[in-house]
Protein backbone atom coordinates (compact mmCIF):
# COMPACT_ATOMS: atom_id res chain seq x y z
CA UNK A 1 0.00 0.00 0.00
CA UNK A 2 1.39 3.39 -0.93
CA UNK A 3 1.46 6.02 1.77
CA UNK A 4 -0.31 8.65 -0.29
CA UNK A 5 -3.60 6.77 -0.03
CA UNK A 6 -3.66 7.30 3.73
CA UNK A 7 -5.05 10.52 5.12
CA UNK A 8 -5.25 11.60 8.73
CA UNK A 9 -8.56 13.31 9.46
CA UNK A 10 -7.42 15.38 12.44
CA UNK A 11 -3.67 15.96 12.05
CA UNK A 12 -3.67 16.68 8.36
CA UNK A 13 -7.05 16.25 6.63
CA UNK A 14 -5.91 17.15 3.12
CA UNK A 15 -2.34 15.92 3.18
CA UNK A 16 -0.74 12.51 3.14
CA UNK A 17 0.38 10.36 6.02
CA UNK A 18 3.92 11.58 5.36
CA UNK A 19 2.73 15.18 5.64
CA UNK A 20 1.11 14.36 8.99
CA UNK A 21 4.28 12.70 10.32
CA UNK A 22 6.42 15.64 9.23
CA UNK A 23 3.98 18.18 10.69
CA UNK A 24 3.90 16.32 14.04
CA UNK A 25 7.71 16.10 14.10
CA UNK A 26 8.09 19.81 13.39
CA UNK A 27 5.41 20.69 15.95
CA UNK A 28 7.40 18.71 18.51
CA UNK A 29 10.48 20.75 17.55
CA UNK A 30 12.50 17.70 16.48
CA UNK A 31 14.87 17.13 13.61
CA UNK A 32 14.82 13.80 11.81
CA UNK A 33 18.09 12.95 13.54
CA UNK A 34 16.60 13.65 16.99
CA UNK A 35 13.48 11.63 16.20
CA UNK A 36 15.66 8.83 14.88
CA UNK A 37 17.60 8.72 18.14
CA UNK A 38 14.41 8.84 20.22
CA UNK A 39 12.64 6.05 18.33
CA UNK A 40 15.56 3.89 17.21
CA UNK A 41 14.28 4.21 13.63
CA UNK A 42 16.98 5.12 11.08
CA UNK A 43 16.59 8.70 9.88
CA UNK A 44 16.52 7.62 6.23
CA UNK A 45 13.36 5.62 7.04
CA UNK A 46 11.81 8.70 8.62
CA UNK A 47 12.60 10.59 5.43
CA UNK A 48 10.97 7.89 3.33
CA UNK A 49 7.82 8.06 5.46
CA UNK A 50 7.69 11.85 5.27
CA UNK A 51 8.08 11.69 1.48
CA UNK A 52 5.42 8.95 1.23
CA UNK A 53 7.84 6.40 -0.16
CA UNK A 54 6.78 3.88 2.49
CA UNK A 55 4.68 3.67 5.62
CA UNK A 56 5.62 2.74 9.20
CA UNK A 57 4.89 -0.73 10.51
CA UNK A 58 2.62 -1.07 13.52
CA UNK A 59 5.61 -1.22 15.89
CA UNK A 60 7.21 1.79 14.25
CA UNK A 61 3.90 3.70 14.43
CA UNK A 62 3.71 2.95 18.18
CA UNK A 63 7.19 4.43 18.67
CA UNK A 64 6.30 7.52 16.63
CA UNK A 65 2.99 8.05 18.41
CA UNK A 66 4.68 7.99 21.82
CA UNK A 67 7.36 10.52 20.88
CA UNK A 68 5.17 12.79 18.77
CA UNK A 69 2.10 12.44 21.01
CA UNK A 70 -0.09 11.25 18.16
CA UNK A 71 -3.13 9.40 19.55
CA UNK A 72 -2.88 5.64 19.02
CA UNK A 73 -6.48 5.54 17.88
CA UNK A 74 -5.88 8.14 15.20
CA UNK A 75 -8.40 8.19 12.40
CA UNK A 76 -6.74 7.29 9.14
CA UNK A 77 -8.90 6.87 6.09
CA UNK A 78 -8.22 5.52 2.64
CA UNK A 79 -8.47 8.08 -0.10
CA UNK A 80 -8.18 7.62 -3.82
CA UNK A 81 -4.67 8.63 -4.89
């Protein structure tokens, strides 16, 4: 599944999942390097997620949601790309 088909209704209703991750990271005042260190996820993966080249796994999403304070029960919807 490509990341651009996922939309987040509350964090970023018109953007992609990658846009929502980037917006949450910036709102938290973190660089990709800092988020990488905090989550244990390589920063090149974070970049791929933010550019909608891939999407986080469930475990990776849990790590992101804890650091970026994104609700675990976030409402993602499928949208036609």
